[in-house]
Protein backbone atom coordinates (compact mmCIF):
# COMPACT_ATOMS: atom_id res chain seq x y z
CA UNK A 1 7.95 1.76 -7.67
CA UNK A 2 7.51 3.10 -4.15
CA UNK A 3 3.79 3.86 -4.26
CA UNK A 4 3.25 4.69 -0.59
CA UNK A 5 6.36 6.90 -0.40
CA UNK A 6 5.18 8.77 -3.50
CA UNK A 7 1.76 9.25 -1.90
CA UNK A 8 3.27 10.60 1.33
CA UNK A 9 5.54 12.97 -0.58
CA UNK A 10 2.61 14.31 -2.60
CA UNK A 11 0.44 14.89 0.46
CA UNK A 12 3.24 16.64 2.36
CA UNK A 13 4.29 18.82 -0.58
CA UNK A 14 0.67 19.78 -1.30
CA UNK A 15 0.15 20.66 2.37
CA UNK A 16 3.28 22.83 2.30
CA UNK A 17 1.98 24.75 -0.74
CA UNK A 18 -1.34 25.30 1.05
CA UNK A 19 0.42 26.51 4.20
CA UNK A 20 3.24 28.53 2.63
CA UNK A 21 2.12 31.63 4.59
CA UNK A 22 3.17 29.86 7.80
CA UNK A 23 6.37 28.09 6.73
CA UNK A 24 9.22 29.46 4.64
CA UNK A 25 11.38 26.39 3.97
CA UNK A 26 9.80 23.17 2.74
CA UNK A 27 12.58 20.95 4.08
CA UNK A 28 12.35 22.26 7.65
CA UNK A 29 8.61 23.01 7.76
CA UNK A 30 7.04 21.18 10.71
CA UNK A 31 4.69 19.14 8.52
CA UNK A 32 5.16 15.61 9.81
CA UNK A 33 3.48 12.22 9.61
CA UNK A 34 1.94 10.90 12.80
CA UNK A 35 3.07 7.78 14.60
CA UNK A 36 6.64 7.87 13.28
CA UNK A 37 8.36 7.94 16.67
CA UNK A 38 9.90 11.40 16.35
CA UNK A 39 9.73 14.16 18.92
CA UNK A 40 6.93 16.73 18.88
CA UNK A 41 7.96 20.05 17.32
CA UNK A 42 8.21 22.99 19.74
CA UNK A 43 6.31 25.41 17.46
CA UNK A 44 2.89 25.03 15.81
CA UNK A 45 2.91 22.12 13.37
CA UNK A 46 0.83 19.85 11.15
CA UNK A 47 0.63 16.09 11.68
CA UNK A 48 -0.67 14.02 8.78
CA UNK A 49 -2.14 10.57 9.16
CA UNK A 50 -3.20 8.53 6.12
CA UNK A 51 -6.23 6.78 7.59
CA UNK A 52 -7.77 5.03 4.58
CA UNK A 53 -6.68 3.78 1.17
CA UNK A 54 -9.36 2.08 -0.90
CA UNK A 55 -9.52 1.21 -4.55
CA UNK A 56 -12.27 2.91 -6.50
CA UNK A 57 -13.65 0.78 -9.29
CA UNK A 58 -11.63 -1.54 -11.43
CA UNK A 59 -8.15 -0.92 -12.78
CA UNK A 60 -7.20 -0.18 -16.36
CA UNK A 61 -4.75 -2.27 -18.40
CA UNK A 62 -3.44 -1.06 -21.74
CA UNK A 63 -4.03 -3.34 -24.72
CA UNK A 64 -0.72 -2.56 -26.41
CA UNK A 65 2.79 -2.62 -25.03
CA UNK A 66 5.30 0.20 -25.26
CA UNK A 67 8.71 -0.19 -26.97
CA UNK A 68 10.09 -1.90 -23.84
CA UNK A 69 7.32 -4.54 -24.11
CA UNK A 70 5.55 -3.28 -20.98
CA UNK A 71 1.84 -3.01 -20.28
CA UNK A 72 0.58 0.04 -18.42
CA UNK A 73 -1.58 -0.80 -15.42
CA UNK A 74 -3.53 1.96 -13.66
CA UNK A 75 -5.48 1.81 -10.44
CA UNK A 76 -7.64 4.55 -8.96
CA UNK A 77 -7.87 4.98 -5.22
CA UNK A 78 -9.62 7.16 -2.68
CA UNK A 79 -7.24 8.34 0.03
CA UNK A 80 -8.47 9.81 3.30
CA UNK A 81 -5.84 11.81 5.17
CA UNK A 82 -6.34 13.47 8.52
CA UNK A 83 -4.54 16.77 8.93
CA UNK A 84 -4.05 17.72 12.60
CA UNK A 85 -3.05 21.33 13.21
CA UNK A 86 -1.34 21.66 16.57
CA UNK A 87 -0.29 24.60 18.72
CA UNK A 88 -1.10 28.28 19.12
CA UNK A 89 -1.51 28.85 15.36
CA UNK A 90 -3.64 25.75 14.81
CA UNK A 91 -6.92 27.58 14.24
CA UNK A 92 -5.37 30.01 11.74
CA UNK A 93 -3.52 27.23 9.91
CA UNK A 94 -6.58 24.98 9.73
CA UNK A 95 -8.78 27.84 8.49
CA UNK A 96 -6.33 28.80 5.74
CA UNK A 97 -5.79 25.16 4.81
CA UNK A 98 -9.50 24.34 4.55
CA UNK A 99 -10.13 27.43 2.40
CA UNK A 100 -7.24 26.72 0.05
CA UNK A 101 -7.43 22.95 -0.29
CA UNK A 102 -11.03 23.09 -1.46
CA UNK A 103 -10.96 26.22 -3.60
CA UNK A 104 -7.51 27.28 -4.78
CA UNK A 105 -6.35 25.97 -8.21
CA UNK A 106 -2.68 26.54 -7.30
CA UNK A 107 -3.09 24.20 -4.34
CA UNK A 108 -4.91 21.67 -6.53
CA UNK A 109 -1.92 21.72 -8.91
CA UNK A 110 0.46 21.19 -5.98
CA UNK A 111 -1.33 17.96 -5.16
CA UNK A 112 -1.98 16.90 -8.77
CA UNK A 113 1.76 16.78 -9.54
CA UNK A 114 1.71 13.60 -7.47
CA UNK A 115 -1.49 12.10 -8.89
CA UNK A 116 -3.69 13.47 -6.08
CA UNK A 117 -7.01 15.14 -6.80
CA UNK A 118 -9.05 16.92 -4.14
CA UNK A 119 -12.47 15.31 -3.66
CA UNK A 120 -13.91 16.64 -0.39
CA UNK A 121 -13.16 17.51 3.21
CA UNK A 122 -14.80 17.48 6.61
CA UNK A 123 -15.42 20.48 8.81
CA UNK A 124 -12.71 21.73 11.15
CA UNK A 125 -13.00 19.70 14.35
CA UNK A 126 -11.59 21.27 17.52
CA UNK A 127 -9.80 18.66 19.66
CA UNK A 128 -7.63 20.32 22.36
CA UNK A 129 -5.26 18.03 24.21
CA UNK A 130 -4.04 18.25 27.79
CA UNK A 131 -0.32 18.48 28.29
CA UNK A 132 1.39 18.43 31.68
CA UNK A 133 0.19 21.85 32.85
CA UNK A 134 -1.84 23.34 30.02
CA UNK A 135 -4.20 22.63 27.14
CA UNK A 136 -2.79 22.69 23.60
CA UNK A 137 -5.08 23.59 20.71
CA UNK A 138 -5.64 20.93 18.05
CA UNK A 139 -7.81 21.19 14.96
CA UNK A 140 -8.50 18.20 12.71
CA UNK A 141 -9.65 18.04 9.10
CA UNK A 142 -10.10 14.89 7.01
CA UNK A 143 -9.49 15.33 3.29
CA UNK A 144 -10.39 12.75 0.66
CA UNK A 145 -8.23 12.67 -2.46
CA UNK A 146 -8.44 10.62 -5.61
CA UNK A 147 -5.09 8.99 -6.33
CA UNK A 148 -4.03 7.36 -9.57
CA UNK A 149 -1.22 4.83 -9.57
CA UNK A 150 0.35 3.87 -12.87
CA UNK A 151 2.78 0.95 -13.06
CA UNK A 152 4.51 -0.94 -15.85
CA UNK A 153 4.55 -4.72 -16.23
CA UNK A 154 6.95 -6.47 -18.61
CA UNK A 155 5.08 -9.13 -20.57
CA UNK A 156 5.97 -11.75 -23.14
CA UNK A 157 5.07 -10.59 -26.61
CA UNK A 158 3.83 -12.88 -29.38
CA UNK A 159 5.96 -12.03 -32.38
CA UNK A 160 4.38 -14.43 -34.83
CA UNK A 161 1.74 -17.10 -35.15
CA UNK A 162 2.48 -20.27 -37.13
CA UNK A 163 -0.45 -22.21 -38.58
CA UNK A 164 -0.02 -25.62 -40.11
CA UNK A 165 -2.66 -27.17 -42.33
CA UNK A 166 -2.70 -30.79 -41.22
CA UNK A 167 -4.33 -32.00 -44.45
CA UNK A 168 -1.89 -30.41 -46.89
CA UNK A 169 1.15 -29.84 -44.65
CA UNK A 170 1.32 -26.17 -45.69
CA UNK A 171 2.60 -23.72 -43.08
CA UNK A 172 1.43 -20.15 -42.78
CA UNK A 173 3.19 -17.46 -40.73
CA UNK A 174 1.43 -14.33 -39.52
CA UNK A 175 2.80 -11.78 -40.20
CA UNK A 176 4.08 -13.28 -43.44
CA UNK A 177 7.51 -11.57 -43.38
CA UNK A 178 8.50 -13.25 -40.08
CA UNK A 179 11.29 -15.78 -40.40
CA UNK A 180 10.71 -18.91 -38.36
CA UNK A 181 13.74 -20.99 -37.44
CA UNK A 182 12.82 -24.65 -36.84
């Protein structure tokens, strides 16, 4: 299971839903992940950086297996992602995003499809950056999400227990209908 790829997909898709007023096509929307070596988009864009992944509490392990003899293992995490809004529309995008990500149930559903739950966010931080001849507007917001990861682990299953009474030599099989081949 590609856990990190699933996380990135969920964050990007949720961000697209929150910013659908600014971008029409999800595939071409300039919502990118930082530090990936690509070129900077020419128009206003969003750069996402996953800055922290930490487990919250202890994981859960099912006590019974499914029909494929797998245990379900769940871990809960807190994910901090920085959303950087860049360009001439950065203040509008960041304002809309911060309003929607914290308050809009449709946006919450967009993230929850990927196991992400909104927890909290920081204020909008203005951070303009100098380019060759001009300043470019940047706004940053950190959002903390809960993230649940569920994986399956194949385990050996005990099909029967054989007990032998050493004094009498009697053998007992649990469950009784199990056939034991010596």
